[in-house]
Amino acid sequence: MFRLTLAGPDTAVVSSLCGGCPYGPRGCCVAPPRYAWSDVARVVLGGGRDWLLAAITRGELGPFEHGLRVTRNPGNGEGDARCTFHDDSRGCTIAPKLRPATCNYYVCEPAYEDGDASGEGAEVRRARRETERLVASFVAWDEALLLFVRGRRREGDTFDATFLDDVATAFERLRDLV
């Protein structure tokens, strides 16, 4: 099964191959993506501001120049490191609307190939086009939001509700321009 759900910045691509990831039980989660500024804004606009603030307080997310980094769980052995939000029995523990966009729309090449092989070539081609378009949009949004944040935030400032709301408001204005 291969399915694309178009929802602007909240687009999602799903492949049944992910459940049996050929790269192991942690799959993409061995290298968690960051919450870029556009991701932070999307989550806030979707009602997840308090979730972000709580994750920062718990140390699961940490500020850096380009947004929030996801903490890596070192695991129990070599090569066992993964996203702190990954659970071996349940997979991702973050609700889809709270995930970085990359987690919702990225699928690996074998997933595309599996979709093609199962007769869903048109959906696969559409997903490729849409994710390429989304990546270009996210790059533009993140560049603009980085400039906004640099002008708004000073070294040592905390991530608080007002700051996150300001980033979300700036994103709302940008979203329709790109």
C-alpha atoms as a PDB file:
ATOM      1  CA  MET A   1       0.000   0.000   0.000  1.00  0.00           C
ATOM      2  CA  PHE A   2       1.236   3.461  -0.885  1.00  0.00           C
ATOM      3  CA  ARG A   3      -0.859   6.533  -0.055  1.00  0.00           C
ATOM      4  CA  LEU A   4      -0.365  10.274  -0.373  1.00  0.00           C
ATOM      5  CA  THR A   5      -2.543  12.643   1.651  1.00  0.00           C
ATOM      6  CA  LEU A   6      -2.142  16.207   0.424  1.00  0.00           C
ATOM      7  CA  ALA A   7      -2.577  18.793   3.159  1.00  0.00           C
ATOM      8  CA  GLY A   8      -0.133  21.582   2.346  1.00  0.00           C
ATOM      9  CA  PRO A   9       2.601  21.690   5.001  1.00  0.00           C
ATOM     10  CA  ASP A  10       0.870  18.776   6.779  1.00  0.00           C
ATOM     11  CA  THR A  11       1.088  16.408   3.786  1.00  0.00           C
ATOM     12  CA  ALA A  12       1.636  12.742   4.631  1.00  0.00           C
ATOM     13  CA  VAL A  13       2.964   9.820   2.608  1.00  0.00           C
ATOM     14  CA  VAL A  14       2.370   6.321   3.941  1.00  0.00           C
ATOM     15  CA  SER A  15       3.838   3.050   2.741  1.00  0.00           C
ATOM     16  CA  SER A  16       3.079  -0.386   4.145  1.00  0.00           C
ATOM     17  CA  LEU A  17       6.771  -1.174   3.638  1.00  0.00           C
ATOM     18  CA  CYS A  18       7.568   1.106   6.614  1.00  0.00           C
ATOM     19  CA  GLY A  19       6.025  -1.451   8.986  1.00  0.00           C
ATOM     20  CA  GLY A  20       8.575  -4.021   7.836  1.00  0.00           C
ATOM     21  CA  CYS A  21      11.401  -1.581   7.175  1.00  0.00           C
ATOM     22  CA  PRO A  22      14.217  -3.226   5.233  1.00  0.00           C
ATOM     23  CA  TYR A  23      16.685  -1.146   7.274  1.00  0.00           C
ATOM     24  CA  GLY A  24      15.631  -2.585  10.627  1.00  0.00           C
ATOM     25  CA  PRO A  25      13.082  -1.835  13.358  1.00  0.00           C
ATOM     26  CA  ARG A  26      14.275   1.745  13.855  1.00  0.00           C
ATOM     27  CA  GLY A  27      14.423   2.597  10.157  1.00  0.00           C
ATOM     28  CA  CYS A  28      14.584   6.339   9.562  1.00  0.00           C
ATOM     29  CA  CYS A  29      14.398   6.957  13.303  1.00  0.00           C
ATOM     30  CA  VAL A  30      18.112   6.236  13.746  1.00  0.00           C
ATOM     31  CA  ALA A  31      18.685   9.763  12.441  1.00  0.00           C
ATOM     32  CA  PRO A  32      15.779  11.883  13.659  1.00  0.00           C
ATOM     33  CA  PRO A  33      15.156  15.053  11.706  1.00  0.00           C
ATOM     34  CA  ARG A  34      15.105  18.376  13.433  1.00  0.00           C
ATOM     35  CA  TYR A  35      12.065  20.543  14.010  1.00  0.00           C
ATOM     36  CA  ALA A  36      13.000  23.327  11.618  1.00  0.00           C
ATOM     37  CA  TRP A  37      11.349  26.700  12.233  1.00  0.00           C
ATOM     38  CA  SER A  38       8.534  25.858   9.809  1.00  0.00           C
ATOM     39  CA  ASP A  39       7.900  22.614  11.725  1.00  0.00           C
ATOM     40  CA  VAL A  40       7.799  24.497  15.019  1.00  0.00           C
ATOM     41  CA  ALA A  41       5.280  26.932  13.515  1.00  0.00           C
ATOM     42  CA  ARG A  42       3.140  24.150  11.981  1.00  0.00           C
ATOM     43  CA  VAL A  43       2.961  22.336  15.311  1.00  0.00           C
ATOM     44  CA  VAL A  44       2.022  25.530  17.165  1.00  0.00           C
ATOM     45  CA  LEU A  45      -0.656  26.370  14.589  1.00  0.00           C
ATOM     46  CA  GLY A  46      -2.009  22.832  14.931  1.00  0.00           C
ATOM     47  CA  GLY A  47      -2.493  23.252  18.687  1.00  0.00           C
ATOM     48  CA  GLY A  48       0.775  21.648  19.805  1.00  0.00           C
ATOM     49  CA  ARG A  49       2.557  24.586  21.421  1.00  0.00           C
ATOM     50  CA  ASP A  50       2.212  23.159  24.927  1.00  0.00           C
ATOM     51  CA  TRP A  51       3.437  19.768  23.710  1.00  0.00           C
ATOM     52  CA  LEU A  52       6.583  21.433  22.301  1.00  0.00           C
ATOM     53  CA  LEU A  53       7.186  23.353  25.531  1.00  0.00           C
ATOM     54  CA  ALA A  54       6.754  20.178  27.599  1.00  0.00           C
ATOM     55  CA  ALA A  55       9.140  18.236  25.313  1.00  0.00           C
ATOM     56  CA  ILE A  56      11.718  21.025  25.712  1.00  0.00           C
ATOM     57  CA  THR A  57      11.305  20.915  29.500  1.00  0.00           C
ATOM     58  CA  ARG A  58      11.749  17.105  29.487  1.00  0.00           C
ATOM     59  CA  GLY A  59      14.912  17.441  27.368  1.00  0.00           C
ATOM     60  CA  GLU A  60      13.432  15.569  24.387  1.00  0.00           C
ATOM     61  CA  LEU A  61      13.799  18.669  22.217  1.00  0.00           C
ATOM     62  CA  GLY A  62      16.550  21.236  22.478  1.00  0.00           C
ATOM     63  CA  PRO A  63      16.982  24.659  20.882  1.00  0.00           C
ATOM     64  CA  PHE A  64      19.549  25.323  18.208  1.00  0.00           C
ATOM     65  CA  GLU A  65      19.896  28.011  15.546  1.00  0.00           C
ATOM     66  CA  HIS A  66      17.623  26.348  12.993  1.00  0.00           C
ATOM     67  CA  GLY A  67      14.799  25.298  15.337  1.00  0.00           C
ATOM     68  CA  LEU A  68      14.678  22.383  17.748  1.00  0.00           C
ATOM     69  CA  ARG A  69      16.868  19.295  17.668  1.00  0.00           C
ATOM     70  CA  VAL A  70      15.421  15.935  18.620  1.00  0.00           C
ATOM     71  CA  THR A  71      17.344  14.142  21.347  1.00  0.00           C
ATOM     72  CA  ARG A  72      18.797  10.801  20.349  1.00  0.00           C
ATOM     73  CA  ASN A  73      18.294   7.897  22.696  1.00  0.00           C
ATOM     74  CA  PRO A  74      21.650   6.088  22.861  1.00  0.00           C
ATOM     75  CA  GLY A  75      19.948   2.698  23.264  1.00  0.00           C
ATOM     76  CA  ASN A  76      21.549  -0.370  24.758  1.00  0.00           C
ATOM     77  CA  GLY A  77      24.256  -1.171  22.273  1.00  0.00           C
ATOM     78  CA  GLU A  78      26.302  -0.081  19.308  1.00  0.00           C
ATOM     79  CA  GLY A  79      24.102   1.009  16.416  1.00  0.00           C
ATOM     80  CA  ASP A  80      21.055   1.113  18.683  1.00  0.00           C
ATOM     81  CA  ALA A  81      20.766   4.919  18.839  1.00  0.00           C
ATOM     82  CA  ARG A  82      17.468   6.342  17.671  1.00  0.00           C
ATOM     83  CA  CYS A  83      15.025   9.203  18.004  1.00  0.00           C
ATOM     84  CA  THR A  84      13.942   9.664  21.600  1.00  0.00           C
ATOM     85  CA  PHE A  85      10.325   9.400  20.437  1.00  0.00           C
ATOM     86  CA  HIS A  86      10.803   5.945  18.874  1.00  0.00           C
ATOM     87  CA  ASP A  87       9.476   2.936  20.753  1.00  0.00           C
ATOM     88  CA  ASP A  88      10.532  -0.484  19.486  1.00  0.00           C
ATOM     89  CA  SER A  89       7.065  -1.942  19.943  1.00  0.00           C
ATOM     90  CA  ARG A  90       4.964   1.023  18.754  1.00  0.00           C
ATOM     91  CA  GLY A  91       7.243   2.950  16.404  1.00  0.00           C
ATOM     92  CA  CYS A  92       6.804   6.714  16.509  1.00  0.00           C
ATOM     93  CA  THR A  93       5.115   7.943  19.680  1.00  0.00           C
ATOM     94  CA  ILE A  94       4.445  11.432  18.301  1.00  0.00           C
ATOM     95  CA  ALA A  95       0.996  12.137  16.905  1.00  0.00           C
ATOM     96  CA  PRO A  96       1.333  12.830  13.134  1.00  0.00           C
ATOM     97  CA  LYS A  97       0.259  16.476  13.446  1.00  0.00           C
ATOM     98  CA  LEU A  98       3.053  17.039  16.004  1.00  0.00           C
ATOM     99  CA  ARG A  99       5.862  15.390  14.013  1.00  0.00           C
ATOM    100  CA  PRO A 100       8.444  17.224  11.947  1.00  0.00           C
ATOM    101  CA  ALA A 101       7.081  17.375   8.404  1.00  0.00           C
ATOM    102  CA  THR A 102       9.894  15.157   7.158  1.00  0.00           C
ATOM    103  CA  CYS A 103       8.567  12.331   9.333  1.00  0.00           C
ATOM    104  CA  ASN A 104       5.199  12.648   7.612  1.00  0.00           C
ATOM    105  CA  TYR A 105       6.246  12.876   3.988  1.00  0.00           C
ATOM    106  CA  TYR A 106       9.615  11.176   3.644  1.00  0.00           C
ATOM    107  CA  VAL A 107       9.742   7.602   2.433  1.00  0.00           C
ATOM    108  CA  CYS A 108      12.873   5.818   1.257  1.00  0.00           C
ATOM    109  CA  GLU A 109      13.535   4.663  -2.283  1.00  0.00           C
ATOM    110  CA  PRO A 110      12.556   1.024  -1.516  1.00  0.00           C
ATOM    111  CA  ALA A 111       9.115   2.284  -0.406  1.00  0.00           C
ATOM    112  CA  TYR A 112       8.669   4.066  -3.738  1.00  0.00           C
ATOM    113  CA  GLU A 113       9.808   0.931  -5.557  1.00  0.00           C
ATOM    114  CA  ASP A 114       7.406  -1.201  -3.520  1.00  0.00           C
ATOM    115  CA  GLY A 115       4.561   1.175  -4.421  1.00  0.00           C
ATOM    116  CA  ASP A 116       5.464   0.917  -8.108  1.00  0.00           C
ATOM    117  CA  ALA A 117       5.645  -2.883  -7.911  1.00  0.00           C
ATOM    118  CA  SER A 118       2.218  -3.081  -6.259  1.00  0.00           C
ATOM    119  CA  GLY A 119       0.588  -1.184  -9.118  1.00  0.00           C
ATOM    120  CA  GLU A 120       0.421   2.213  -7.450  1.00  0.00           C
ATOM    121  CA  GLY A 121       2.782   3.926  -9.884  1.00  0.00           C
ATOM    122  CA  ALA A 122       0.552   6.964 -10.442  1.00  0.00           C
ATOM    123  CA  GLU A 123       0.361   7.606  -6.681  1.00  0.00           C
ATOM    124  CA  VAL A 124       4.129   7.099  -6.367  1.00  0.00           C
ATOM    125  CA  ARG A 125       4.842   9.611  -9.162  1.00  0.00           C
ATOM    126  CA  ARG A 126       2.426  12.084  -7.572  1.00  0.00           C
ATOM    127  CA  ALA A 127       4.092  11.613  -4.161  1.00  0.00           C
ATOM    128  CA  ARG A 128       7.531  12.229  -5.651  1.00  0.00           C
ATOM    129  CA  ARG A 129       6.350  15.459  -7.318  1.00  0.00           C
ATOM    130  CA  GLU A 130       4.570  16.705  -4.211  1.00  0.00           C
ATOM    131  CA  THR A 131       7.422  15.944  -1.833  1.00  0.00           C
ATOM    132  CA  GLU A 132       9.888  17.713  -4.149  1.00  0.00           C
ATOM    133  CA  ARG A 133       7.563  20.731  -4.152  1.00  0.00           C
ATOM    134  CA  LEU A 134       7.194  20.535  -0.370  1.00  0.00           C
ATOM    135  CA  VAL A 135      10.934  20.350   0.193  1.00  0.00           C
ATOM    136  CA  ALA A 136      11.411  23.504  -1.901  1.00  0.00           C
ATOM    137  CA  SER A 137       8.652  25.262   0.070  1.00  0.00           C
ATOM    138  CA  PHE A 138      10.077  24.192   3.429  1.00  0.00           C
ATOM    139  CA  VAL A 139      13.555  25.382   2.439  1.00  0.00           C
ATOM    140  CA  ALA A 140      12.158  28.806   1.509  1.00  0.00           C
ATOM    141  CA  TRP A 141      10.016  29.016   4.667  1.00  0.00           C
ATOM    142  CA  ASP A 142      12.911  27.981   6.895  1.00  0.00           C
ATOM    143  CA  GLU A 143      15.288  30.521   5.344  1.00  0.00           C
ATOM    144  CA  ALA A 144      12.777  33.322   5.912  1.00  0.00           C
ATOM    145  CA  LEU A 145      11.907  32.162   9.432  1.00  0.00           C
ATOM    146  CA  LEU A 146      15.583  31.901  10.359  1.00  0.00           C
ATOM    147  CA  LEU A 147      15.999  35.580   9.477  1.00  0.00           C
ATOM    148  CA  PHE A 148      12.869  36.401  11.497  1.00  0.00           C
ATOM    149  CA  VAL A 149      14.154  34.469  14.521  1.00  0.00           C
ATOM    150  CA  ARG A 150      17.630  36.018  14.302  1.00  0.00           C
ATOM    151  CA  GLY A 151      16.004  39.435  14.424  1.00  0.00           C
ATOM    152  CA  ARG A 152      13.659  38.476  17.256  1.00  0.00           C
ATOM    153  CA  ARG A 153      15.642  36.176  19.547  1.00  0.00           C
ATOM    154  CA  ARG A 154      18.833  36.898  21.445  1.00  0.00           C
ATOM    155  CA  GLU A 155      21.387  34.443  22.822  1.00  0.00           C
ATOM    156  CA  GLY A 156      20.136  33.085  26.123  1.00  0.00           C
ATOM    157  CA  ASP A 157      16.454  33.827  25.444  1.00  0.00           C
ATOM    158  CA  THR A 158      14.168  31.021  26.452  1.00  0.00           C
ATOM    159  CA  PHE A 159      11.655  29.283  24.252  1.00  0.00           C
ATOM    160  CA  ASP A 160       8.371  30.392  25.748  1.00  0.00           C
ATOM    161  CA  ALA A 161       4.773  30.467  24.545  1.00  0.00           C
ATOM    162  CA  THR A 162       5.016  34.043  23.256  1.00  0.00           C
ATOM    163  CA  PHE A 163       8.122  33.298  21.199  1.00  0.00           C
ATOM    164  CA  LEU A 164       6.579  30.160  19.683  1.00  0.00           C
ATOM    165  CA  ASP A 165       3.367  32.052  18.882  1.00  0.00           C
ATOM    166  CA  ASP A 166       5.413  34.770  17.157  1.00  0.00           C
ATOM    167  CA  VAL A 167       7.166  32.172  14.970  1.00  0.00           C
ATOM    168  CA  ALA A 168       3.772  30.667  14.081  1.00  0.00           C
ATOM    169  CA  THR A 169       2.366  34.081  13.153  1.00  0.00           C
ATOM    170  CA  ALA A 170       5.367  34.781  10.918  1.00  0.00           C
ATOM    171  CA  PHE A 171       4.901  31.373   9.269  1.00  0.00           C
ATOM    172  CA  GLU A 172       1.223  32.064   8.573  1.00  0.00           C
ATOM    173  CA  ARG A 173       2.235  35.116   6.559  1.00  0.00           C
ATOM    174  CA  LEU A 174       4.940  33.217   4.665  1.00  0.00           C
ATOM    175  CA  ARG A 175       2.961  30.079   3.955  1.00  0.00           C
ATOM    176  CA  ASP A 176       0.729  31.773   1.419  1.00  0.00           C
ATOM    177  CA  LEU A 177       3.636  33.499  -0.360  1.00  0.00           C
ATOM    178  CA  VAL A 178       5.643  30.401  -1.279  1.00  0.00           C
END
